[in-house]
């Protein structure tokens, strides 16, 4: 179901000058980052059996681990921003409505 032409989230983005965040891209960042972290951990465990592994390989695994962790955190942060924007839009919509006549 497509959103209403002037729903609360679109209005919040327009009023505050925010750009819309893409939830698919956030999921890609999250899962790709977690995959990179997991792959570097399992790669490190596999290479730990080999006594002759050069230091540059370990440095590469550490870099993949670090960058994968950063990417996973960036995806998580994007999801948090999207959730906070939806909540702020909902609250702003409630404030704009007149109080209930009782």
N, C-alpha and C. Protein backbone atom coordinates (compact mmCIF):
# COMPACT_ATOMS: atom_id res chain seq x y z
N UNK A 1 0.85 -1.17 0.00
CA UNK A 1 0.00 0.00 0.00
C UNK A 1 0.89 1.23 0.00
N UNK A 2 0.81 2.07 -1.03
CA UNK A 2 1.66 3.26 -1.09
C UNK A 2 1.26 4.27 -0.02
N UNK A 3 2.23 5.06 0.46
CA UNK A 3 1.89 6.06 1.48
C UNK A 3 1.00 7.15 0.91
N UNK A 4 0.30 7.82 1.78
CA UNK A 4 -0.56 8.93 1.38
C UNK A 4 0.31 10.03 0.76
N UNK A 5 -0.26 10.83 -0.16
CA UNK A 5 0.56 11.85 -0.83
C UNK A 5 1.21 12.83 0.14
N UNK A 6 0.57 13.13 1.25
CA UNK A 6 1.14 14.05 2.21
C UNK A 6 1.11 13.43 3.60
N UNK A 7 1.75 12.27 3.74
CA UNK A 7 1.74 11.63 5.05
C UNK A 7 2.72 12.35 5.98
N UNK A 8 2.69 11.97 7.24
CA UNK A 8 3.45 12.69 8.27
C UNK A 8 4.95 12.60 8.04
N UNK A 9 5.43 11.44 7.57
CA UNK A 9 6.87 11.28 7.36
C UNK A 9 7.36 12.14 6.21
N UNK A 10 6.59 12.19 5.12
CA UNK A 10 6.98 13.07 4.00
C UNK A 10 6.98 14.53 4.43
N UNK A 11 6.01 14.90 5.22
CA UNK A 11 5.94 16.29 5.69
C UNK A 11 7.13 16.61 6.58
N UNK A 12 7.51 15.67 7.47
CA UNK A 12 8.67 15.88 8.33
C UNK A 12 9.94 16.06 7.51
N UNK A 13 10.13 15.20 6.51
CA UNK A 13 11.30 15.33 5.65
C UNK A 13 11.32 16.67 4.93
N UNK A 14 10.17 17.07 4.44
CA UNK A 14 10.09 18.32 3.70
C UNK A 14 10.32 19.52 4.63
N UNK A 15 9.69 19.52 5.81
CA UNK A 15 9.79 20.65 6.73
C UNK A 15 11.21 20.81 7.28
N UNK A 16 11.87 19.71 7.56
CA UNK A 16 13.21 19.78 8.16
C UNK A 16 14.33 19.71 7.13
N UNK A 17 13.97 19.51 5.87
CA UNK A 17 14.99 19.43 4.83
C UNK A 17 15.81 18.15 4.89
N UNK A 18 15.21 17.09 5.39
CA UNK A 18 15.90 15.80 5.48
C UNK A 18 15.73 15.03 4.18
N UNK A 19 16.72 14.21 3.85
CA UNK A 19 16.55 13.34 2.69
C UNK A 19 16.08 11.98 3.17
N UNK A 20 15.32 11.32 2.32
CA UNK A 20 14.80 10.01 2.69
C UNK A 20 15.93 8.99 2.71
N UNK A 21 15.91 8.14 3.71
CA UNK A 21 16.90 7.07 3.81
C UNK A 21 16.32 5.80 3.20
N UNK A 22 17.16 5.04 2.54
CA UNK A 22 16.72 3.84 1.85
C UNK A 22 16.87 2.63 2.78
N UNK A 23 15.76 1.99 3.17
CA UNK A 23 15.87 0.85 4.08
C UNK A 23 16.57 -0.36 3.45
N UNK A 24 16.48 -0.50 2.13
CA UNK A 24 17.15 -1.62 1.46
C UNK A 24 18.67 -1.44 1.55
N UNK A 25 19.13 -0.21 1.35
CA UNK A 25 20.56 0.06 1.44
C UNK A 25 21.06 -0.16 2.87
N UNK A 26 20.26 0.21 3.86
CA UNK A 26 20.65 0.00 5.26
C UNK A 26 20.78 -1.49 5.56
N UNK A 27 19.86 -2.29 5.06
CA UNK A 27 19.96 -3.74 5.27
C UNK A 27 21.18 -4.31 4.56
N UNK A 28 21.47 -3.82 3.36
CA UNK A 28 22.66 -4.27 2.64
C UNK A 28 23.91 -3.96 3.44
N UNK A 29 24.01 -2.73 3.96
CA UNK A 29 25.17 -2.36 4.78
C UNK A 29 25.29 -3.27 5.99
N UNK A 30 24.19 -3.49 6.65
CA UNK A 30 24.19 -4.31 7.86
C UNK A 30 24.64 -5.73 7.58
N UNK A 31 24.01 -6.39 6.63
CA UNK A 31 24.33 -7.79 6.38
C UNK A 31 25.68 -7.98 5.70
N UNK A 32 26.05 -7.08 4.80
CA UNK A 32 27.36 -7.18 4.16
C UNK A 32 28.47 -6.96 5.18
N UNK A 33 28.27 -6.00 6.08
CA UNK A 33 29.25 -5.75 7.13
C UNK A 33 29.40 -6.93 8.07
N UNK A 34 28.26 -7.51 8.47
CA UNK A 34 28.32 -8.70 9.34
C UNK A 34 28.97 -9.87 8.62
N UNK A 35 28.71 -10.00 7.32
CA UNK A 35 29.36 -11.06 6.55
C UNK A 35 30.86 -10.87 6.47
N UNK A 36 31.31 -9.62 6.31
CA UNK A 36 32.74 -9.34 6.26
C UNK A 36 33.40 -9.63 7.60
N UNK A 37 32.73 -9.26 8.69
CA UNK A 37 33.28 -9.55 10.02
C UNK A 37 33.36 -11.06 10.24
N UNK A 38 32.29 -11.76 9.93
CA UNK A 38 32.29 -13.22 10.10
C UNK A 38 33.32 -13.89 9.23
N UNK A 39 33.43 -13.45 7.98
CA UNK A 39 34.43 -14.04 7.09
C UNK A 39 35.84 -13.81 7.57
N UNK A 40 36.12 -12.62 8.09
CA UNK A 40 37.47 -12.36 8.58
C UNK A 40 37.77 -13.15 9.84
N UNK A 41 36.77 -13.35 10.69
CA UNK A 41 36.99 -14.17 11.89
C UNK A 41 37.26 -15.62 11.50
N UNK A 42 36.43 -16.18 10.64
CA UNK A 42 36.65 -17.57 10.23
C UNK A 42 37.94 -17.72 9.42
N UNK A 43 38.26 -16.71 8.61
CA UNK A 43 39.53 -16.74 7.89
C UNK A 43 40.72 -16.70 8.83
N UNK A 44 40.62 -15.89 9.86
CA UNK A 44 41.68 -15.82 10.87
C UNK A 44 41.83 -17.11 11.63
N UNK A 45 40.71 -17.74 11.96
CA UNK A 45 40.78 -19.03 12.66
C UNK A 45 41.42 -20.09 11.77
N UNK A 46 41.10 -20.04 10.48
CA UNK A 46 41.67 -21.00 9.55
C UNK A 46 43.18 -20.77 9.39
N UNK A 47 43.57 -19.50 9.30
CA UNK A 47 44.99 -19.18 9.13
C UNK A 47 45.79 -19.36 10.41
N UNK A 48 45.14 -19.37 11.55
CA UNK A 48 45.86 -19.54 12.82
C UNK A 48 46.51 -20.92 12.91
N UNK A 49 45.99 -21.87 12.17
CA UNK A 49 46.59 -23.23 12.16
C UNK A 49 47.92 -23.23 11.43
N UNK A 50 48.09 -22.27 10.52
CA UNK A 50 49.29 -22.22 9.70
C UNK A 50 50.30 -21.30 10.37
N UNK A 51 51.46 -21.85 10.73
CA UNK A 51 52.47 -21.06 11.47
C UNK A 51 53.18 -20.06 10.56
N UNK A 52 53.19 -20.28 9.26
CA UNK A 52 53.96 -19.41 8.37
C UNK A 52 53.15 -18.32 7.70
N UNK A 53 52.05 -17.90 8.29
CA UNK A 53 51.22 -16.86 7.67
C UNK A 53 51.92 -15.50 7.81
N UNK A 54 52.11 -14.80 6.69
CA UNK A 54 52.79 -13.49 6.78
C UNK A 54 51.95 -12.45 7.51
N UNK A 55 52.65 -11.42 8.00
CA UNK A 55 51.98 -10.38 8.78
C UNK A 55 51.00 -9.57 7.93
N UNK A 56 51.27 -9.39 6.64
CA UNK A 56 50.38 -8.59 5.81
C UNK A 56 49.02 -9.25 5.65
N UNK A 57 48.98 -10.59 5.74
CA UNK A 57 47.69 -11.28 5.67
C UNK A 57 46.88 -10.97 6.92
N UNK A 58 47.55 -10.97 8.07
CA UNK A 58 46.86 -10.65 9.32
C UNK A 58 46.39 -9.20 9.31
N UNK A 59 47.22 -8.31 8.75
CA UNK A 59 46.83 -6.90 8.67
C UNK A 59 45.61 -6.74 7.75
N UNK A 60 45.58 -7.50 6.65
CA UNK A 60 44.42 -7.46 5.75
C UNK A 60 43.16 -7.96 6.43
N UNK A 61 43.30 -9.06 7.19
CA UNK A 61 42.12 -9.58 7.91
C UNK A 61 41.64 -8.59 8.96
N UNK A 62 42.58 -7.92 9.63
CA UNK A 62 42.19 -6.92 10.62
C UNK A 62 41.47 -5.76 9.95
N UNK A 63 41.94 -5.37 8.76
CA UNK A 63 41.28 -4.28 8.04
C UNK A 63 39.88 -4.67 7.60
N UNK A 64 39.71 -5.88 7.09
CA UNK A 64 38.38 -6.35 6.68
C UNK A 64 37.46 -6.43 7.89
N UNK A 65 37.98 -6.90 9.01
CA UNK A 65 37.20 -6.98 10.24
C UNK A 65 36.73 -5.58 10.67
N UNK A 66 37.66 -4.63 10.66
CA UNK A 66 37.35 -3.27 11.10
C UNK A 66 36.35 -2.60 10.15
N UNK A 67 36.62 -2.68 8.86
CA UNK A 67 35.72 -2.04 7.90
C UNK A 67 34.35 -2.71 7.86
N UNK A 68 34.32 -4.04 8.02
CA UNK A 68 33.03 -4.74 8.08
C UNK A 68 32.23 -4.33 9.30
N UNK A 69 32.92 -4.19 10.44
CA UNK A 69 32.24 -3.74 11.65
C UNK A 69 31.69 -2.33 11.49
N UNK A 70 32.47 -1.47 10.86
CA UNK A 70 32.01 -0.10 10.61
C UNK A 70 30.79 -0.10 9.69
N UNK A 71 30.81 -0.92 8.66
CA UNK A 71 29.69 -0.99 7.73
C UNK A 71 28.43 -1.51 8.42
N UNK A 72 28.59 -2.52 9.27
CA UNK A 72 27.44 -3.05 10.01
C UNK A 72 26.87 -2.00 10.95
N UNK A 73 27.73 -1.25 11.60
CA UNK A 73 27.25 -0.19 12.49
C UNK A 73 26.58 0.94 11.71
N UNK A 74 27.08 1.24 10.52
CA UNK A 74 26.46 2.27 9.69
C UNK A 74 25.05 1.85 9.27
N UNK A 75 24.87 0.59 8.91
CA UNK A 75 23.53 0.09 8.57
C UNK A 75 22.59 0.14 9.76
N UNK A 76 23.11 -0.20 10.92
CA UNK A 76 22.30 -0.17 12.13
C UNK A 76 21.91 1.28 12.46
N UNK A 77 22.85 2.20 12.33
CA UNK A 77 22.58 3.60 12.59
C UNK A 77 21.51 4.13 11.63
N UNK A 78 21.57 3.72 10.37
CA UNK A 78 20.57 4.15 9.40
C UNK A 78 19.18 3.66 9.79
N UNK A 79 19.10 2.42 10.25
CA UNK A 79 17.80 1.90 10.71
C UNK A 79 17.30 2.70 11.92
N UNK A 80 18.20 3.06 12.82
CA UNK A 80 17.79 3.86 13.97
C UNK A 80 17.29 5.23 13.55
N UNK A 81 17.97 5.86 12.59
CA UNK A 81 17.53 7.16 12.09
C UNK A 81 16.15 7.06 11.46
N UNK A 82 15.92 6.01 10.68
CA UNK A 82 14.62 5.84 10.04
C UNK A 82 13.52 5.65 11.08
N UNK A 83 13.81 4.87 12.09
CA UNK A 83 12.83 4.64 13.15
C UNK A 83 12.54 5.93 13.92
N UNK A 84 13.59 6.69 14.23
CA UNK A 84 13.40 7.96 14.93
C UNK A 84 12.62 8.96 14.08
N UNK A 85 12.86 8.98 12.78
CA UNK A 85 12.12 9.87 11.90
C UNK A 85 10.64 9.51 11.87
N UNK A 86 10.33 8.21 11.81
CA UNK A 86 8.92 7.79 11.82
C UNK A 86 8.25 8.19 13.14
N UNK A 87 8.97 8.00 14.25
CA UNK A 87 8.42 8.36 15.55
C UNK A 87 8.21 9.88 15.65
N UNK A 88 9.18 10.66 15.21
CA UNK A 88 9.04 12.12 15.26
C UNK A 88 7.89 12.58 14.38
N UNK A 89 7.72 11.96 13.22
CA UNK A 89 6.62 12.33 12.33
C UNK A 89 5.28 12.00 12.98
N UNK A 90 5.20 10.86 13.64
CA UNK A 90 3.96 10.48 14.31
C UNK A 90 3.64 11.45 15.44
N UNK A 91 4.64 11.79 16.23
CA UNK A 91 4.40 12.72 17.34
C UNK A 91 4.03 14.11 16.83
N UNK A 92 4.69 14.57 15.77
CA UNK A 92 4.35 15.87 15.20
C UNK A 92 2.92 15.87 14.66
N UNK A 93 2.51 14.75 14.10
CA UNK A 93 1.14 14.63 13.59
C UNK A 93 0.14 14.68 14.74
N UNK A 94 0.47 14.05 15.87
CA UNK A 94 -0.42 14.09 17.04
C UNK A 94 -0.52 15.49 17.60
N UNK A 95 0.58 16.23 17.61
CA UNK A 95 0.57 17.59 18.14
C UNK A 95 -0.26 18.51 17.25
N UNK A 96 -0.23 18.29 15.94
CA UNK A 96 -0.98 19.14 15.01
C UNK A 96 -2.49 18.94 15.10
N UNK A 97 -2.92 17.74 15.50
CA UNK A 97 -4.36 17.45 15.55
C UNK A 97 -4.99 18.20 16.74
N UNK A 98 -6.22 18.64 16.55
CA UNK A 98 -6.90 19.30 17.68
C UNK A 98 -7.22 18.28 18.78
N UNK A 99 -7.30 18.75 20.01
CA UNK A 99 -7.62 17.80 21.11
C UNK A 99 -9.03 17.25 20.95
N UNK A 100 -9.22 16.07 21.50
CA UNK A 100 -10.53 15.42 21.40
C UNK A 100 -11.56 16.19 22.22
N UNK A 101 -12.72 16.32 21.63
CA UNK A 101 -13.83 16.97 22.36
C UNK A 101 -14.46 15.93 23.28
N UNK A 102 -14.52 16.19 24.54
CA UNK A 102 -14.99 15.18 25.45
C UNK A 102 -16.17 15.61 26.16
